[in-house]
Amino acid sequence: QVQLVESGGGLVQPGGSLRLSCAASGSRFSINVMGWYRQAPGKQRELVATITSTGITNYADSVRGRFTISRVITTSTVWLQMNSLKPEDTAVYFCNARVGVSTSALYYWGQGTQVTVSS
């Protein structure tokens, strides 16, 4: 089993920055992809960014150029540096981890951390 704990959320003014972190525990050495998703009130959960164990990243168009995802494999920790934040970035941000591939893959989610961008 994998447990994920997010931290770093909070209230920030437009144009400000926040850094989110997610620490994995349990069977963490089996994780091959980690990422961040977000869900605003009344909206579907959407992908923000993902990173593989080999460093391949993927970003949503809405955050590309503003957000940066990174990962420390040895500690199974994933970071999301968020710059130039906008009110539309307000959401609960969830950490995600994938164990295995294809039909054998398992997915784990953290409890989420609130990010509020407001003046």
N, C-alpha and C. Protein backbone atom coordinates (compact mmCIF):
# COMPACT_ATOMS: atom_id res chain seq x y z
N GLN A 1 0.84 -1.19 0.00
CA GLN A 1 0.00 0.00 0.00
C GLN A 1 0.87 1.24 0.00
N VAL A 2 0.33 2.32 -0.55
CA VAL A 2 1.01 3.60 -0.59
C VAL A 2 0.12 4.64 0.07
N GLN A 3 0.72 5.42 0.94
CA GLN A 3 0.01 6.53 1.57
C GLN A 3 0.65 7.84 1.11
N LEU A 4 -0.18 8.83 0.81
CA LEU A 4 0.29 10.11 0.31
C LEU A 4 -0.21 11.22 1.22
N VAL A 5 0.68 12.13 1.56
CA VAL A 5 0.34 13.26 2.41
C VAL A 5 0.81 14.54 1.75
N GLU A 6 -0.13 15.44 1.44
CA GLU A 6 0.20 16.72 0.83
C GLU A 6 0.34 17.81 1.88
N SER A 7 1.11 18.83 1.54
CA SER A 7 1.25 19.99 2.40
C SER A 7 1.67 21.18 1.55
N GLY A 8 1.55 22.37 2.12
CA GLY A 8 2.02 23.58 1.45
C GLY A 8 0.94 24.49 0.91
N GLY A 9 -0.30 24.07 0.98
CA GLY A 9 -1.38 24.92 0.50
C GLY A 9 -1.60 26.10 1.41
N GLY A 10 -2.39 27.05 0.94
CA GLY A 10 -2.69 28.22 1.72
C GLY A 10 -3.32 29.32 0.90
N LEU A 11 -3.38 30.50 1.48
CA LEU A 11 -3.94 31.68 0.83
C LEU A 11 -2.82 32.55 0.30
N VAL A 12 -2.94 32.95 -0.96
CA VAL A 12 -1.91 33.78 -1.58
C VAL A 12 -2.58 34.78 -2.52
N GLN A 13 -1.96 35.94 -2.67
CA GLN A 13 -2.48 36.96 -3.58
C GLN A 13 -2.18 36.61 -5.03
N PRO A 14 -2.98 37.11 -5.96
CA PRO A 14 -2.67 36.89 -7.38
C PRO A 14 -1.26 37.35 -7.70
N GLY A 15 -0.56 36.54 -8.48
CA GLY A 15 0.82 36.84 -8.81
C GLY A 15 1.82 36.25 -7.84
N GLY A 16 1.33 35.72 -6.74
CA GLY A 16 2.20 35.14 -5.74
C GLY A 16 2.60 33.72 -6.06
N SER A 17 3.31 33.10 -5.13
CA SER A 17 3.83 31.76 -5.33
C SER A 17 3.56 30.87 -4.13
N LEU A 18 3.43 29.59 -4.39
CA LEU A 18 3.32 28.57 -3.37
C LEU A 18 4.07 27.34 -3.84
N ARG A 19 4.54 26.55 -2.89
CA ARG A 19 5.16 25.28 -3.22
C ARG A 19 4.48 24.18 -2.44
N LEU A 20 3.93 23.22 -3.17
CA LEU A 20 3.27 22.08 -2.58
C LEU A 20 4.23 20.89 -2.53
N SER A 21 4.07 20.07 -1.52
CA SER A 21 4.86 18.86 -1.43
C SER A 21 3.96 17.68 -1.13
N CYS A 22 4.40 16.52 -1.56
CA CYS A 22 3.68 15.29 -1.33
C CYS A 22 4.69 14.21 -0.98
N ALA A 23 4.52 13.61 0.17
CA ALA A 23 5.41 12.56 0.62
C ALA A 23 4.69 11.22 0.62
N ALA A 24 5.32 10.23 0.03
CA ALA A 24 4.76 8.89 -0.05
C ALA A 24 5.40 7.98 0.99
N SER A 25 4.61 7.09 1.53
CA SER A 25 5.11 6.10 2.46
C SER A 25 4.48 4.75 2.12
N GLY A 26 4.98 3.70 2.73
CA GLY A 26 4.51 2.37 2.42
C GLY A 26 5.38 1.74 1.34
N SER A 27 4.74 1.19 0.30
CA SER A 27 5.45 0.54 -0.80
C SER A 27 5.92 1.57 -1.81
N ARG A 28 6.64 2.58 -1.34
CA ARG A 28 6.98 3.73 -2.18
C ARG A 28 7.96 3.41 -3.30
N PHE A 29 8.77 2.37 -3.15
CA PHE A 29 9.75 2.06 -4.17
C PHE A 29 9.14 1.45 -5.42
N SER A 30 7.86 1.14 -5.41
CA SER A 30 7.16 0.61 -6.56
C SER A 30 6.50 1.70 -7.40
N ILE A 31 6.53 2.92 -6.95
CA ILE A 31 5.88 4.03 -7.64
C ILE A 31 6.66 4.40 -8.91
N ASN A 32 5.95 4.51 -10.03
CA ASN A 32 6.62 4.90 -11.27
C ASN A 32 6.17 6.26 -11.81
N VAL A 33 5.02 6.74 -11.37
CA VAL A 33 4.55 8.06 -11.77
C VAL A 33 3.93 8.75 -10.57
N MET A 34 4.23 10.02 -10.40
CA MET A 34 3.57 10.83 -9.39
C MET A 34 3.12 12.12 -10.04
N GLY A 35 2.09 12.71 -9.48
CA GLY A 35 1.59 13.93 -10.08
C GLY A 35 0.64 14.69 -9.19
N TRP A 36 0.18 15.80 -9.73
CA TRP A 36 -0.75 16.67 -9.04
C TRP A 36 -1.99 16.87 -9.89
N TYR A 37 -3.14 16.80 -9.24
CA TYR A 37 -4.42 17.09 -9.84
C TYR A 37 -5.11 18.13 -8.97
N ARG A 38 -6.10 18.80 -9.51
CA ARG A 38 -6.82 19.78 -8.73
C ARG A 38 -8.31 19.73 -9.05
N GLN A 39 -9.09 20.16 -8.08
CA GLN A 39 -10.53 20.18 -8.25
C GLN A 39 -11.09 21.44 -7.60
N ALA A 40 -11.69 22.28 -8.43
CA ALA A 40 -12.36 23.48 -7.95
C ALA A 40 -13.81 23.15 -7.63
N PRO A 41 -14.46 23.96 -6.79
CA PRO A 41 -15.86 23.70 -6.43
C PRO A 41 -16.74 23.60 -7.67
N GLY A 42 -17.51 22.53 -7.76
CA GLY A 42 -18.41 22.32 -8.88
C GLY A 42 -17.75 21.90 -10.17
N LYS A 43 -16.46 21.64 -10.13
CA LYS A 43 -15.71 21.27 -11.33
C LYS A 43 -15.19 19.84 -11.23
N GLN A 44 -14.85 19.28 -12.38
CA GLN A 44 -14.23 17.97 -12.43
C GLN A 44 -12.77 18.07 -12.01
N ARG A 45 -12.28 16.99 -11.44
CA ARG A 45 -10.86 16.94 -11.11
C ARG A 45 -10.05 16.92 -12.41
N GLU A 46 -9.02 17.74 -12.47
CA GLU A 46 -8.22 17.84 -13.67
C GLU A 46 -6.74 17.66 -13.38
N LEU A 47 -6.05 17.19 -14.38
CA LEU A 47 -4.60 17.01 -14.27
C LEU A 47 -3.91 18.36 -14.25
N VAL A 48 -2.93 18.50 -13.37
CA VAL A 48 -2.09 19.68 -13.32
C VAL A 48 -0.72 19.36 -13.91
N ALA A 49 -0.06 18.36 -13.35
CA ALA A 49 1.26 17.97 -13.82
C ALA A 49 1.59 16.58 -13.33
N THR A 50 2.38 15.84 -14.11
CA THR A 50 2.86 14.53 -13.70
C THR A 50 4.34 14.42 -14.01
N ILE A 51 4.98 13.50 -13.33
CA ILE A 51 6.39 13.24 -13.58
C ILE A 51 6.65 11.76 -13.38
N THR A 52 7.42 11.17 -14.29
CA THR A 52 7.75 9.75 -14.20
C THR A 52 9.03 9.56 -13.42
N SER A 53 9.35 8.30 -13.15
CA SER A 53 10.57 7.99 -12.41
C SER A 53 11.83 8.34 -13.19
N THR A 54 11.69 8.52 -14.51
CA THR A 54 12.82 8.91 -15.34
C THR A 54 12.86 10.40 -15.63
N GLY A 55 11.95 11.15 -15.03
CA GLY A 55 11.99 12.59 -15.15
C GLY A 55 11.15 13.20 -16.26
N ILE A 56 10.35 12.40 -16.94
CA ILE A 56 9.48 12.92 -17.99
C ILE A 56 8.30 13.64 -17.36
N THR A 57 8.07 14.87 -17.77
CA THR A 57 7.00 15.68 -17.19
C THR A 57 5.89 15.95 -18.18
N ASN A 58 4.72 16.21 -17.65
CA ASN A 58 3.56 16.57 -18.43
C ASN A 58 2.78 17.63 -17.68
N TYR A 59 2.38 18.70 -18.39
CA TYR A 59 1.68 19.80 -17.76
C TYR A 59 0.38 20.10 -18.48
N ALA A 60 -0.60 20.52 -17.72
CA ALA A 60 -1.81 21.06 -18.32
C ALA A 60 -1.47 22.38 -19.00
N ASP A 61 -2.15 22.68 -20.10
CA ASP A 61 -1.87 23.91 -20.82
C ASP A 61 -2.08 25.15 -19.95
N SER A 62 -3.01 25.07 -19.02
CA SER A 62 -3.34 26.21 -18.19
C SER A 62 -2.24 26.58 -17.19
N VAL A 63 -1.33 25.66 -16.91
CA VAL A 63 -0.28 25.93 -15.94
C VAL A 63 1.11 25.89 -16.54
N ARG A 64 1.23 25.47 -17.78
CA ARG A 64 2.53 25.37 -18.42
C ARG A 64 3.24 26.72 -18.42
N GLY A 65 4.49 26.71 -17.99
CA GLY A 65 5.26 27.94 -17.92
C GLY A 65 5.17 28.63 -16.58
N ARG A 66 4.19 28.29 -15.77
CA ARG A 66 4.02 28.88 -14.45
C ARG A 66 4.32 27.90 -13.33
N PHE A 67 3.97 26.64 -13.54
CA PHE A 67 4.16 25.61 -12.53
C PHE A 67 5.31 24.69 -12.94
N THR A 68 6.00 24.16 -11.95
CA THR A 68 7.07 23.21 -12.19
C THR A 68 6.94 22.04 -11.23
N ILE A 69 6.94 20.83 -11.78
CA ILE A 69 6.87 19.64 -10.96
C ILE A 69 8.26 19.01 -10.88
N SER A 70 8.60 18.52 -9.72
CA SER A 70 9.88 17.84 -9.54
C SER A 70 9.68 16.68 -8.57
N ARG A 71 10.65 15.78 -8.57
CA ARG A 71 10.52 14.59 -7.75
C ARG A 71 11.87 14.15 -7.22
N VAL A 72 11.88 13.72 -5.97
CA VAL A 72 13.05 13.12 -5.37
C VAL A 72 12.75 11.64 -5.21
N ILE A 73 13.33 10.81 -6.07
CA ILE A 73 13.01 9.39 -6.12
C ILE A 73 13.35 8.68 -4.82
N THR A 74 14.49 9.01 -4.24
CA THR A 74 14.95 8.29 -3.05
C THR A 74 14.03 8.45 -1.86
N THR A 75 13.28 9.53 -1.81
CA THR A 75 12.35 9.76 -0.71
C THR A 75 10.90 9.72 -1.17
N SER A 76 10.67 9.43 -2.45
CA SER A 76 9.33 9.38 -3.03
C SER A 76 8.54 10.64 -2.70
N THR A 77 9.16 11.76 -2.94
CA THR A 77 8.55 13.05 -2.68
C THR A 77 8.39 13.81 -3.99
N VAL A 78 7.23 14.39 -4.20
CA VAL A 78 6.98 15.19 -5.39
C VAL A 78 6.64 16.61 -4.96
N TRP A 79 7.15 17.57 -5.70
CA TRP A 79 6.94 18.98 -5.41
C TRP A 79 6.23 19.65 -6.58
N LEU A 80 5.47 20.67 -6.27
CA LEU A 80 4.84 21.50 -7.29
C LEU A 80 5.11 22.95 -6.94
N GLN A 81 6.00 23.58 -7.69
CA GLN A 81 6.28 25.00 -7.52
C GLN A 81 5.30 25.78 -8.37
N MET A 82 4.51 26.63 -7.75
CA MET A 82 3.48 27.38 -8.44
C MET A 82 3.81 28.86 -8.38
N ASN A 83 4.05 29.45 -9.54
CA ASN A 83 4.37 30.86 -9.65
C ASN A 83 3.28 31.58 -10.44
N SER A 84 3.26 32.90 -10.31
CA SER A 84 2.30 33.73 -11.04
C SER A 84 0.88 33.20 -10.89
N LEU A 85 0.51 32.92 -9.67
CA LEU A 85 -0.79 32.33 -9.40
C LEU A 85 -1.94 33.26 -9.77
N LYS A 86 -3.00 32.65 -10.26
CA LYS A 86 -4.20 33.35 -10.68
C LYS A 86 -5.39 32.88 -9.86
N PRO A 87 -6.43 33.71 -9.74
CA PRO A 87 -7.62 33.27 -9.00
C PRO A 87 -8.18 31.95 -9.51
N GLU A 88 -8.09 31.70 -10.81
CA GLU A 88 -8.60 30.46 -11.37
C GLU A 88 -7.78 29.24 -10.99
N ASP A 89 -6.65 29.44 -10.33
CA ASP A 89 -5.88 28.33 -9.80
C ASP A 89 -6.43 27.83 -8.48
N THR A 90 -7.38 28.55 -7.91
CA THR A 90 -7.97 28.16 -6.64
C THR A 90 -8.64 26.80 -6.76
N ALA A 91 -8.24 25.88 -5.90
CA ALA A 91 -8.76 24.51 -5.94
C ALA A 91 -8.15 23.71 -4.81
N VAL A 92 -8.67 22.53 -4.61
CA VAL A 92 -8.02 21.55 -3.76
C VAL A 92 -7.06 20.77 -4.65
N TYR A 93 -5.81 20.72 -4.25
CA TYR A 93 -4.80 20.03 -5.02
C TYR A 93 -4.51 18.67 -4.41
N PHE A 94 -4.56 17.64 -5.24
CA PHE A 94 -4.39 16.27 -4.80
C PHE A 94 -3.12 15.66 -5.38
N CYS A 95 -2.41 14.96 -4.55
CA CYS A 95 -1.25 14.20 -4.99
C CYS A 95 -1.71 12.83 -5.47
N ASN A 96 -1.06 12.33 -6.51
CA ASN A 96 -1.40 11.03 -7.07
C ASN A 96 -0.14 10.22 -7.31
N ALA A 97 -0.24 8.91 -7.13
CA ALA A 97 0.88 8.02 -7.40
C ALA A 97 0.37 6.78 -8.11
N ARG A 98 1.15 6.30 -9.08
CA ARG A 98 0.82 5.08 -9.80
C ARG A 98 1.85 4.00 -9.51
N VAL A 99 1.34 2.83 -9.20
CA VAL A 99 2.18 1.66 -8.99
C VAL A 99 1.86 0.65 -10.08
N GLY A 100 2.87 0.22 -10.82
CA GLY A 100 2.64 -0.73 -11.90
C GLY A 100 2.21 -0.02 -13.18
N VAL A 101 1.93 -0.82 -14.20
CA VAL A 101 1.54 -0.29 -15.50
C VAL A 101 0.38 -1.10 -16.06
N SER A 102 -0.25 -0.55 -17.09
CA SER A 102 -1.30 -1.24 -17.83
C SER A 102 -2.40 -1.74 -16.89
N THR A 103 -2.86 -2.96 -17.11
CA THR A 103 -3.97 -3.50 -16.33
C THR A 103 -3.58 -3.85 -14.90
N SER A 104 -2.29 -3.88 -14.61
CA SER A 104 -1.82 -4.18 -13.26
C SER A 104 -1.60 -2.92 -12.43
N ALA A 105 -1.82 -1.77 -13.00
CA ALA A 105 -1.54 -0.51 -12.32
C ALA A 105 -2.52 -0.25 -11.18
N LEU A 106 -1.99 0.32 -10.11
CA LEU A 106 -2.79 0.76 -8.99
C LEU A 106 -2.56 2.25 -8.79
N TYR A 107 -3.60 2.95 -8.38
CA TYR A 107 -3.52 4.39 -8.21
C TYR A 107 -3.88 4.77 -6.78
N TYR A 108 -3.12 5.71 -6.23
CA TYR A 108 -3.32 6.17 -4.87
C TYR A 108 -3.46 7.69 -4.86
N TRP A 109 -4.26 8.17 -3.93
CA TRP A 109 -4.54 9.60 -3.81
C TRP A 109 -4.32 10.09 -2.40
N GLY A 110 -3.83 11.31 -2.28
CA GLY A 110 -3.76 11.96 -1.00
C GLY A 110 -5.09 12.59 -0.65
N GLN A 111 -5.16 13.23 0.51
CA GLN A 111 -6.40 13.84 0.97
C GLN A 111 -6.63 15.23 0.39
N GLY A 112 -5.60 15.84 -0.17
CA GLY A 112 -5.72 17.14 -0.79
C GLY A 112 -5.29 18.27 0.11
N THR A 113 -4.86 19.36 -0.51
CA THR A 113 -4.49 20.57 0.21
C THR A 113 -5.10 21.76 -0.52
N GLN A 114 -5.68 22.67 0.23
CA GLN A 114 -6.40 23.80 -0.35
C GLN A 114 -5.45 24.91 -0.78
N VAL A 115 -5.62 25.37 -2.00
CA VAL A 115 -4.90 26.54 -2.51
C VAL A 115 -5.94 27.59 -2.88
N THR A 116 -5.83 28.75 -2.27
CA THR A 116 -6.76 29.84 -2.54
C THR A 116 -5.98 31.06 -3.00
N VAL A 117 -6.31 31.55 -4.19
CA VAL A 117 -5.65 32.72 -4.76
C VAL A 117 -6.67 33.85 -4.79
N SER A 118 -6.47 34.83 -3.96
CA SER A 118 -7.44 35.91 -3.83
C SER A 118 -6.77 37.17 -3.31
N SER A 119 -7.27 38.31 -3.75
CA SER A 119 -6.79 39.59 -3.26
C SER A 119 -7.67 40.12 -2.13
